Amino acid sequence: MQCDQPSIPLTPEQPASDSGLLMSELLKDAFQATVSRDYEKAVSIIRNAVSTEEAFGVEDLELIDHVYACILNTSHYDESVIEVCWEWIEALERIPRVKDPRVISSSQLSIYYAYHTICRVQERLPRRGNHLQMRKDTWKRVKSSFQYLWSNASQFWKPYELDRLDILCSWSYLTLQYSDVCDDDTVQLIETAKDHAQHILTTTIVVENAHQAGQRISTIERNLRDTKAITDKMSRRVSGTEVPTVQTEDCDILTVKKLKTECV
């Protein structure tokens, strides 16, 4: 990974206040700390910023993403990787949250990547007695995060628009990665939304970015199909307690950010 650049109160994005400008300067200091590889200072600055009541704009969130991506790159133990991911998610989701399409679009990719990384690490952890409960607890957090994102996406974008489909795409990837614990209601919600978008695309003569939207729909279909295949296989098991897990591919934050154009 390279270092490049649940009902929750919503705050409309406003022109930057003096405190907002100070926050931006503070987060830039965190960025500069990562440039000098002083990651302890960088994360300390981020934690101080998160402890305030100042809402983060999209540029602030991008700086936060940069810092946590760099910290992940220097985390060599599985437990510390998971801790960093949880801290990253909590920083992005902390109250107050700005109600802005750019914020939702940007933060969903980072939230997806953090959950993807947690899943990948959990898969290689020793199978202790609490493994299944750990997976269930993580999935509850995934569901809460993406219910919030989806609620906003449904307000900001039409069913076939790419930013809205990107959130469905990310959510469908996570249902596959957490197929051992994901719930049928979530799978059905994603499938219904996908079908609605597909219906519009097939019955409307001209839709902007129709090809890219179709690619995302195909990806969602494939992820849901594979999720159902795994859950059906698990349901047929009549003995044993071992739960099969999905082997997720390694990817970095830059790869994830290409989902907008390469979600096929």
C-alpha atoms as a PDB file:
ATOM      1  CA  MET A   1       0.000   0.000   0.000  1.00  0.00           C
ATOM      2  CA  GLN A   2       1.374   3.373  -0.976  1.00  0.00           C
ATOM      3  CA  CYS A   3       0.972   6.649   0.889  1.00  0.00           C
ATOM      4  CA  ASP A   4      -0.447   8.806  -1.916  1.00  0.00           C
ATOM      5  CA  GLN A   5      -2.638  11.142  -1.819  1.00  0.00           C
ATOM      6  CA  PRO A   6     -26.597   4.568  12.780  1.00  0.00           C
ATOM      7  CA  SER A   7     -29.199   7.201  12.400  1.00  0.00           C
ATOM      8  CA  ILE A   8     -26.717  10.034  12.710  1.00  0.00           C
ATOM      9  CA  PRO A   9     -27.274  13.795  12.815  1.00  0.00           C
ATOM     10  CA  LEU A  10     -26.368  15.327   9.477  1.00  0.00           C
ATOM     11  CA  THR A  11     -24.624  18.636   8.984  1.00  0.00           C
ATOM     12  CA  PRO A  12     -24.922  20.457   5.636  1.00  0.00           C
ATOM     13  CA  GLU A  13     -21.540  21.541   4.326  1.00  0.00           C
ATOM     14  CA  GLN A  14     -21.033  25.259   4.948  1.00  0.00           C
ATOM     15  CA  PRO A  15     -18.317  27.745   3.934  1.00  0.00           C
ATOM     16  CA  ALA A  16     -15.228  27.140   6.033  1.00  0.00           C
ATOM     17  CA  SER A  17     -15.338  28.857   9.429  1.00  0.00           C
ATOM     18  CA  ASP A  18     -12.263  30.019  11.308  1.00  0.00           C
ATOM     19  CA  SER A  19     -12.333  26.803  13.312  1.00  0.00           C
ATOM     20  CA  GLY A  20     -12.757  24.844  10.089  1.00  0.00           C
ATOM     21  CA  LEU A  21      -9.700  26.513   8.600  1.00  0.00           C
ATOM     22  CA  LEU A  22      -7.745  25.743  11.751  1.00  0.00           C
ATOM     23  CA  MET A  23      -8.861  22.122  11.475  1.00  0.00           C
ATOM     24  CA  SER A  24      -7.670  21.929   7.874  1.00  0.00           C
ATOM     25  CA  GLU A  25      -4.290  23.342   8.866  1.00  0.00           C
ATOM     26  CA  LEU A  26      -4.087  20.849  11.719  1.00  0.00           C
ATOM     27  CA  LEU A  27      -4.777  17.936   9.389  1.00  0.00           C
ATOM     28  CA  LYS A  28      -2.188  19.245   6.933  1.00  0.00           C
ATOM     29  CA  ASP A  29       0.297  19.056   9.801  1.00  0.00           C
ATOM     30  CA  ALA A  30      -0.637  15.384  10.148  1.00  0.00           C
ATOM     31  CA  PHE A  31      -0.007  14.924   6.439  1.00  0.00           C
ATOM     32  CA  GLN A  32       3.411  16.548   6.723  1.00  0.00           C
ATOM     33  CA  ALA A  33       4.209  14.278   9.662  1.00  0.00           C
ATOM     34  CA  THR A  34       3.647  11.250   7.433  1.00  0.00           C
ATOM     35  CA  VAL A  35       5.962  12.749   4.817  1.00  0.00           C
ATOM     36  CA  SER A  36       8.706  12.865   7.457  1.00  0.00           C
ATOM     37  CA  ARG A  37       7.631   9.361   8.596  1.00  0.00           C
ATOM     38  CA  ASP A  38       6.685  10.615  12.057  1.00  0.00           C
ATOM     39  CA  TYR A  39       3.593   8.417  12.206  1.00  0.00           C
ATOM     40  CA  GLU A  40       3.212   8.719  15.969  1.00  0.00           C
ATOM     41  CA  LYS A  41       2.839  12.483  15.599  1.00  0.00           C
ATOM     42  CA  ALA A  42       0.475  12.077  12.635  1.00  0.00           C
ATOM     43  CA  VAL A  43      -1.934   9.784  14.450  1.00  0.00           C
ATOM     44  CA  SER A  44      -1.782  11.973  17.574  1.00  0.00           C
ATOM     45  CA  ILE A  45      -2.889  14.966  15.493  1.00  0.00           C
ATOM     46  CA  ILE A  46      -5.708  12.952  13.930  1.00  0.00           C
ATOM     47  CA  ARG A  47      -6.916  11.788  17.333  1.00  0.00           C
ATOM     48  CA  ASN A  48      -6.969  15.367  18.592  1.00  0.00           C
ATOM     49  CA  ALA A  49      -8.952  16.418  15.518  1.00  0.00           C
ATOM     50  CA  VAL A  50     -11.441  13.588  15.973  1.00  0.00           C
ATOM     51  CA  SER A  51     -11.974  14.565  19.613  1.00  0.00           C
ATOM     52  CA  THR A  52     -13.303  17.994  18.558  1.00  0.00           C
ATOM     53  CA  GLU A  53     -16.858  18.803  17.480  1.00  0.00           C
ATOM     54  CA  GLU A  54     -15.784  20.197  14.102  1.00  0.00           C
ATOM     55  CA  ALA A  55     -17.369  18.480  11.079  1.00  0.00           C
ATOM     56  CA  PHE A  56     -14.933  17.128   8.496  1.00  0.00           C
ATOM     57  CA  GLY A  57     -15.273  18.182   4.861  1.00  0.00           C
ATOM     58  CA  VAL A  58     -14.160  16.041   1.953  1.00  0.00           C
ATOM     59  CA  GLU A  59     -10.636  17.494   1.908  1.00  0.00           C
ATOM     60  CA  ASP A  60     -10.283  16.820   5.639  1.00  0.00           C
ATOM     61  CA  LEU A  61     -11.405  13.231   5.182  1.00  0.00           C
ATOM     62  CA  GLU A  62      -8.906  12.721   2.364  1.00  0.00           C
ATOM     63  CA  LEU A  63      -6.091  13.850   4.664  1.00  0.00           C
ATOM     64  CA  ILE A  64      -7.360  11.476   7.359  1.00  0.00           C
ATOM     65  CA  ASP A  65      -7.432   8.672   4.776  1.00  0.00           C
ATOM     66  CA  HIS A  66      -3.840   9.410   3.829  1.00  0.00           C
ATOM     67  CA  VAL A  67      -2.632   9.237   7.425  1.00  0.00           C
ATOM     68  CA  TYR A  68      -4.382   5.960   8.223  1.00  0.00           C
ATOM     69  CA  ALA A  69      -3.284   4.392   4.933  1.00  0.00           C
ATOM     70  CA  CYS A  70       0.324   5.225   5.816  1.00  0.00           C
ATOM     71  CA  ILE A  71      -0.072   3.867   9.342  1.00  0.00           C
ATOM     72  CA  LEU A  72      -1.517   0.632   7.960  1.00  0.00           C
ATOM     73  CA  ASN A  73       1.493   0.372   5.696  1.00  0.00           C
ATOM     74  CA  THR A  74       3.758   0.306   8.762  1.00  0.00           C
ATOM     75  CA  SER A  75       1.592  -2.053  10.864  1.00  0.00           C
ATOM     76  CA  HIS A  76       3.213  -5.482  10.907  1.00  0.00           C
ATOM     77  CA  TYR A  77       1.000  -7.388  13.345  1.00  0.00           C
ATOM     78  CA  ASP A  78      -2.512  -8.600  12.565  1.00  0.00           C
ATOM     79  CA  GLU A  79      -3.985  -7.245  15.786  1.00  0.00           C
ATOM     80  CA  SER A  80      -2.545  -3.787  15.190  1.00  0.00           C
ATOM     81  CA  VAL A  81      -3.841  -3.770  11.600  1.00  0.00           C
ATOM     82  CA  ILE A  82      -7.363  -4.457  12.843  1.00  0.00           C
ATOM     83  CA  GLU A  83      -7.058  -1.773  15.528  1.00  0.00           C
ATOM     84  CA  VAL A  84      -5.956   0.803  12.953  1.00  0.00           C
ATOM     85  CA  CYS A  85      -8.866  -0.124  10.676  1.00  0.00           C
ATOM     86  CA  TRP A  86     -11.400   0.293  13.472  1.00  0.00           C
ATOM     87  CA  GLU A  87      -9.907   3.636  14.441  1.00  0.00           C
ATOM     88  CA  TRP A  88     -10.030   4.721  10.791  1.00  0.00           C
ATOM     89  CA  ILE A  89     -13.702   3.782  10.457  1.00  0.00           C
ATOM     90  CA  GLU A  90     -14.586   5.550  13.697  1.00  0.00           C
ATOM     91  CA  ALA A  91     -12.771   8.699  12.560  1.00  0.00           C
ATOM     92  CA  LEU A  92     -14.740   8.748   9.298  1.00  0.00           C
ATOM     93  CA  GLU A  93     -18.049   8.048  11.026  1.00  0.00           C
ATOM     94  CA  ARG A  94     -17.742  10.231  14.065  1.00  0.00           C
ATOM     95  CA  ILE A  95     -20.447  12.838  14.785  1.00  0.00           C
ATOM     96  CA  PRO A  96     -21.082  15.390  13.340  1.00  0.00           C
ATOM     97  CA  ARG A  97     -21.045  14.079   9.768  1.00  0.00           C
ATOM     98  CA  VAL A  98     -21.357  16.406   6.806  1.00  0.00           C
ATOM     99  CA  LYS A  99     -24.285  15.706   4.494  1.00  0.00           C
ATOM    100  CA  ASP A 100     -22.591  16.151   1.149  1.00  0.00           C
ATOM    101  CA  PRO A 101     -22.451  13.862  -1.930  1.00  0.00           C
ATOM    102  CA  ARG A 102     -18.676  14.205  -2.235  1.00  0.00           C
ATOM    103  CA  VAL A 103     -18.190  13.203   1.392  1.00  0.00           C
ATOM    104  CA  ILE A 104     -20.398  10.132   1.007  1.00  0.00           C
ATOM    105  CA  SER A 105     -18.748   9.104  -2.256  1.00  0.00           C
ATOM    106  CA  SER A 106     -15.220   9.495  -0.914  1.00  0.00           C
ATOM    107  CA  SER A 107     -15.722   8.030   2.547  1.00  0.00           C
ATOM    108  CA  GLN A 108     -17.560   4.917   1.326  1.00  0.00           C
ATOM    109  CA  LEU A 109     -14.452   3.736  -0.520  1.00  0.00           C
ATOM    110  CA  SER A 110     -12.272   4.153   2.560  1.00  0.00           C
ATOM    111  CA  ILE A 111     -14.840   2.492   4.812  1.00  0.00           C
ATOM    112  CA  TYR A 112     -15.071  -0.394   2.347  1.00  0.00           C
ATOM    113  CA  TYR A 113     -11.293  -0.774   2.284  1.00  0.00           C
ATOM    114  CA  ALA A 114     -11.054  -0.808   6.092  1.00  0.00           C
ATOM    115  CA  TYR A 115     -13.705  -3.546   6.367  1.00  0.00           C
ATOM    116  CA  HIS A 116     -12.056  -5.479   3.534  1.00  0.00           C
ATOM    117  CA  THR A 117      -8.738  -5.349   5.403  1.00  0.00           C
ATOM    118  CA  ILE A 118     -10.354  -6.448   8.673  1.00  0.00           C
ATOM    119  CA  CYS A 119     -11.897  -9.414   6.859  1.00  0.00           C
ATOM    120  CA  ARG A 120      -8.615 -10.385   5.219  1.00  0.00           C
ATOM    121  CA  VAL A 121      -6.817 -10.333   8.582  1.00  0.00           C
ATOM    122  CA  GLN A 122      -9.596 -12.237  10.366  1.00  0.00           C
ATOM    123  CA  GLU A 123      -9.297 -15.003   7.777  1.00  0.00           C
ATOM    124  CA  ARG A 124      -5.700 -15.718   8.739  1.00  0.00           C
ATOM    125  CA  LEU A 125      -6.152 -15.444  12.504  1.00  0.00           C
ATOM    126  CA  PRO A 126      -6.110 -18.721  14.490  1.00  0.00           C
ATOM    127  CA  ARG A 127      -9.626 -20.154  14.794  1.00  0.00           C
ATOM    128  CA  ARG A 128     -10.406 -19.550  18.449  1.00  0.00           C
ATOM    129  CA  GLY A 129     -13.729 -20.136  20.149  1.00  0.00           C
ATOM    130  CA  ASN A 130     -14.824 -16.532  19.624  1.00  0.00           C
ATOM    131  CA  HIS A 131     -14.059 -16.446  15.890  1.00  0.00           C
ATOM    132  CA  LEU A 132     -17.653 -16.748  14.694  1.00  0.00           C
ATOM    133  CA  GLN A 133     -18.891 -14.149  17.181  1.00  0.00           C
ATOM    134  CA  MET A 134     -16.099 -11.805  16.097  1.00  0.00           C
ATOM    135  CA  ARG A 135     -17.230 -12.192  12.491  1.00  0.00           C
ATOM    136  CA  LYS A 136     -20.873 -11.571  13.442  1.00  0.00           C
ATOM    137  CA  ASP A 137     -19.965  -8.458  15.410  1.00  0.00           C
ATOM    138  CA  THR A 138     -17.927  -7.137  12.491  1.00  0.00           C
ATOM    139  CA  TRP A 139     -20.785  -7.754  10.070  1.00  0.00           C
ATOM    140  CA  LYS A 140     -23.155  -5.778  12.309  1.00  0.00           C
ATOM    141  CA  ARG A 141     -20.787  -2.843  12.003  1.00  0.00           C
ATOM    142  CA  VAL A 142     -20.555  -3.307   8.225  1.00  0.00           C
ATOM    143  CA  LYS A 143     -24.332  -3.299   7.988  1.00  0.00           C
ATOM    144  CA  SER A 144     -24.666  -0.178  10.132  1.00  0.00           C
ATOM    145  CA  SER A 145     -22.024   1.688   8.121  1.00  0.00           C
ATOM    146  CA  PHE A 146     -23.552   0.866   4.763  1.00  0.00           C
ATOM    147  CA  GLN A 147     -27.139   1.455   5.856  1.00  0.00           C
ATOM    148  CA  TYR A 148     -26.078   5.027   6.606  1.00  0.00           C
ATOM    149  CA  LEU A 149     -24.249   5.361   3.285  1.00  0.00           C
ATOM    150  CA  TRP A 150     -27.142   3.839   1.352  1.00  0.00           C
ATOM    151  CA  SER A 151     -29.690   6.087   3.052  1.00  0.00           C
ATOM    152  CA  ASN A 152     -27.747   9.116   1.860  1.00  0.00           C
ATOM    153  CA  ALA A 153     -27.064   7.671  -1.582  1.00  0.00           C
ATOM    154  CA  SER A 154     -30.800   7.195  -2.080  1.00  0.00           C
ATOM    155  CA  GLN A 155     -31.291  10.919  -1.445  1.00  0.00           C
ATOM    156  CA  PHE A 156     -28.389  12.208  -3.531  1.00  0.00           C
ATOM    157  CA  TRP A 157     -28.418  10.101  -6.700  1.00  0.00           C
ATOM    158  CA  LYS A 158     -30.812   8.415  -9.102  1.00  0.00           C
ATOM    159  CA  PRO A 159     -30.928   4.581  -9.026  1.00  0.00           C
ATOM    160  CA  TYR A 160     -28.647   4.213 -12.059  1.00  0.00           C
ATOM    161  CA  GLU A 161     -26.091   6.921 -11.217  1.00  0.00           C
ATOM    162  CA  LEU A 162     -22.551   5.697 -10.722  1.00  0.00           C
ATOM    163  CA  ASP A 163     -21.932   7.048  -7.219  1.00  0.00           C
ATOM    164  CA  ARG A 164     -25.044   5.296  -5.946  1.00  0.00           C
ATOM    165  CA  LEU A 165     -24.124   2.058  -7.724  1.00  0.00           C
ATOM    166  CA  ASP A 166     -20.594   2.300  -6.322  1.00  0.00           C
ATOM    167  CA  ILE A 167     -22.005   2.005  -2.809  1.00  0.00           C
ATOM    168  CA  LEU A 168     -24.044  -1.032  -3.819  1.00  0.00           C
ATOM    169  CA  CYS A 169     -20.914  -2.451  -5.441  1.00  0.00           C
ATOM    170  CA  SER A 170     -18.858  -2.035  -2.272  1.00  0.00           C
ATOM    171  CA  TRP A 171     -21.652  -3.450  -0.129  1.00  0.00           C
ATOM    172  CA  SER A 172     -22.015  -6.482  -2.401  1.00  0.00           C
ATOM    173  CA  TYR A 173     -18.268  -7.152  -2.189  1.00  0.00           C
ATOM    174  CA  LEU A 174     -18.576  -7.151   1.592  1.00  0.00           C
ATOM    175  CA  THR A 175     -21.541  -9.542   1.564  1.00  0.00           C
ATOM    176  CA  LEU A 176     -19.282 -11.925  -0.350  1.00  0.00           C
ATOM    177  CA  GLN A 177     -16.307 -11.419   1.945  1.00  0.00           C
ATOM    178  CA  TYR A 178     -18.521 -11.861   5.023  1.00  0.00           C
ATOM    179  CA  SER A 179     -20.767 -14.500   3.456  1.00  0.00           C
ATOM    180  CA  ASP A 180     -20.351 -16.721   6.527  1.00  0.00           C
ATOM    181  CA  VAL A 181     -22.250 -14.172   8.642  1.00  0.00           C
ATOM    182  CA  CYS A 182     -24.131 -11.804   6.307  1.00  0.00           C
ATOM    183  CA  ASP A 183     -27.925 -11.679   6.566  1.00  0.00           C
ATOM    184  CA  ASP A 184     -30.570 -12.396   3.938  1.00  0.00           C
ATOM    185  CA  ASP A 185     -32.246  -9.004   4.411  1.00  0.00           C
ATOM    186  CA  THR A 186     -29.113  -7.174   3.313  1.00  0.00           C
ATOM    187  CA  VAL A 187     -28.642  -9.405   0.285  1.00  0.00           C
ATOM    188  CA  GLN A 188     -32.282  -8.820  -0.668  1.00  0.00           C
ATOM    189  CA  LEU A 189     -31.962  -5.053  -0.255  1.00  0.00           C
ATOM    190  CA  ILE A 190     -28.937  -4.937  -2.548  1.00  0.00           C
ATOM    191  CA  GLU A 191     -30.602  -7.208  -5.085  1.00  0.00           C
ATOM    192  CA  THR A 192     -33.797  -5.140  -5.145  1.00  0.00           C
ATOM    193  CA  ALA A 193     -31.842  -1.911  -5.647  1.00  0.00           C
ATOM    194  CA  LYS A 194     -29.770  -3.553  -8.375  1.00  0.00           C
ATOM    195  CA  ASP A 195     -32.884  -4.823 -10.155  1.00  0.00           C
ATOM    196  CA  HIS A 196     -34.452  -1.357 -10.026  1.00  0.00           C
ATOM    197  CA  ALA A 197     -31.381   0.235 -11.594  1.00  0.00           C
ATOM    198  CA  GLN A 198     -31.199  -2.489 -14.222  1.00  0.00           C
ATOM    199  CA  HIS A 199     -34.853  -2.010 -15.131  1.00  0.00           C
ATOM    200  CA  ILE A 200     -34.298   1.707 -15.723  1.00  0.00           C
ATOM    201  CA  LEU A 201     -31.224   1.034 -17.855  1.00  0.00           C
ATOM    202  CA  THR A 202     -33.043  -1.486 -20.038  1.00  0.00           C
ATOM    203  CA  THR A 203     -36.205   0.591 -20.508  1.00  0.00           C
ATOM    204  CA  THR A 204     -34.704   4.063 -20.979  1.00  0.00           C
ATOM    205  CA  ILE A 205     -33.344   5.067 -24.366  1.00  0.00           C
ATOM    206  CA  VAL A 206     -30.584   7.390 -23.169  1.00  0.00           C
ATOM    207  CA  VAL A 207     -28.897   7.182 -19.782  1.00  0.00           C
ATOM    208  CA  GLU A 208     -25.611   8.945 -19.126  1.00  0.00           C
ATOM    209  CA  ASN A 209     -22.769   6.524 -18.357  1.00  0.00           C
ATOM    210  CA  ALA A 210     -25.041   3.575 -19.163  1.00  0.00           C
ATOM    211  CA  HIS A 211     -22.116   1.304 -20.041  1.00  0.00           C
ATOM    212  CA  GLN A 212     -20.297   1.937 -16.755  1.00  0.00           C
ATOM    213  CA  ALA A 213     -23.557   1.529 -14.844  1.00  0.00           C
ATOM    214  CA  GLY A 214     -24.118  -1.797 -16.590  1.00  0.00           C
ATOM    215  CA  GLN A 215     -20.641  -2.943 -15.570  1.00  0.00           C
ATOM    216  CA  ARG A 216     -21.353  -2.155 -11.944  1.00  0.00           C
ATOM    217  CA  ILE A 217     -24.668  -3.993 -12.093  1.00  0.00           C
ATOM    218  CA  SER A 218     -22.886  -7.039 -13.523  1.00  0.00           C
ATOM    219  CA  THR A 219     -20.385  -6.906 -10.662  1.00  0.00           C
ATOM    220  CA  ILE A 220     -23.157  -6.687  -8.084  1.00  0.00           C
ATOM    221  CA  GLU A 221     -24.951  -9.628  -9.699  1.00  0.00           C
ATOM    222  CA  ARG A 222     -21.795 -11.730  -9.636  1.00  0.00           C
ATOM    223  CA  ASN A 223     -21.039 -10.894  -6.004  1.00  0.00           C
ATOM    224  CA  LEU A 224     -24.583 -11.719  -4.889  1.00  0.00           C
ATOM    225  CA  ARG A 225     -24.588 -14.941  -6.901  1.00  0.00           C
ATOM    226  CA  ASP A 226     -21.324 -16.046  -5.304  1.00  0.00           C
ATOM    227  CA  THR A 227     -22.550 -15.017  -1.853  1.00  0.00           C
ATOM    228  CA  LYS A 228     -25.693 -17.114  -2.241  1.00  0.00           C
ATOM    229  CA  ALA A 229     -23.687 -20.090  -3.497  1.00  0.00           C
ATOM    230  CA  ILE A 230     -21.504 -20.008  -0.389  1.00  0.00           C
ATOM    231  CA  THR A 231     -24.384 -19.538   2.054  1.00  0.00           C
ATOM    232  CA  ASP A 232     -26.319 -22.359   0.364  1.00  0.00           C
ATOM    233  CA  LYS A 233     -23.291 -24.622   0.696  1.00  0.00           C
ATOM    234  CA  MET A 234     -22.993 -23.769   4.383  1.00  0.00           C
ATOM    235  CA  SER A 235     -26.683 -24.430   4.991  1.00  0.00           C
ATOM    236  CA  ARG A 236     -26.268 -27.943   3.576  1.00  0.00           C
ATOM    237  CA  ARG A 237     -23.633 -28.804   6.113  1.00  0.00           C
ATOM    238  CA  VAL A 238     -25.136 -31.098   8.700  1.00  0.00           C
ATOM    239  CA  SER A 239     -22.100 -31.826  10.828  1.00  0.00           C
ATOM    240  CA  GLY A 240     -18.992 -30.098  12.109  1.00  0.00           C
ATOM    241  CA  THR A 241     -18.543 -26.565  13.374  1.00  0.00           C
ATOM    242  CA  GLU A 242     -15.954 -25.249  10.946  1.00  0.00           C
ATOM    243  CA  VAL A 243     -17.268 -22.356   8.896  1.00  0.00           C
ATOM    244  CA  PRO A 244     -15.801 -21.930   5.396  1.00  0.00           C
ATOM    245  CA  THR A 245     -14.449 -18.473   4.755  1.00  0.00           C
ATOM    246  CA  VAL A 246     -14.062 -16.550   1.552  1.00  0.00           C
ATOM    247  CA  GLN A 247     -10.482 -15.947   0.520  1.00  0.00           C
ATOM    248  CA  THR A 248     -10.352 -12.286  -0.365  1.00  0.00           C
ATOM    249  CA  GLU A 249      -7.726 -10.881  -2.665  1.00  0.00           C
ATOM    250  CA  ASP A 250      -5.089  -8.513  -1.352  1.00  0.00           C
ATOM    251  CA  CYS A 251      -5.557  -4.966  -2.515  1.00  0.00           C
ATOM    252  CA  ASP A 252      -4.420  -1.559  -1.407  1.00  0.00           C
ATOM    253  CA  ILE A 253      -6.291   1.702  -0.948  1.00  0.00           C
ATOM    254  CA  LEU A 254      -5.281   2.900  -4.408  1.00  0.00           C
ATOM    255  CA  THR A 255      -6.745  -0.235  -5.966  1.00  0.00           C
ATOM    256  CA  VAL A 256      -9.993   0.298  -4.100  1.00  0.00           C
ATOM    257  CA  LYS A 257     -10.234   3.900  -5.277  1.00  0.00           C
ATOM    258  CA  LYS A 258     -10.234   2.615  -8.867  1.00  0.00           C
ATOM    259  CA  LEU A 259     -13.601   0.933  -8.257  1.00  0.00           C
ATOM    260  CA  LYS A 260     -15.361   3.973  -9.677  1.00  0.00           C
ATOM    261  CA  THR A 261     -14.001   3.246 -13.144  1.00  0.00           C
ATOM    262  CA  GLU A 262     -12.969  -0.394 -13.024  1.00  0.00           C
ATOM    263  CA  CYS A 263     -15.877  -2.050 -11.204  1.00  0.00           C
ATOM    264  CA  VAL A 264     -16.361  -4.896 -13.671  1.00  0.00           C
END
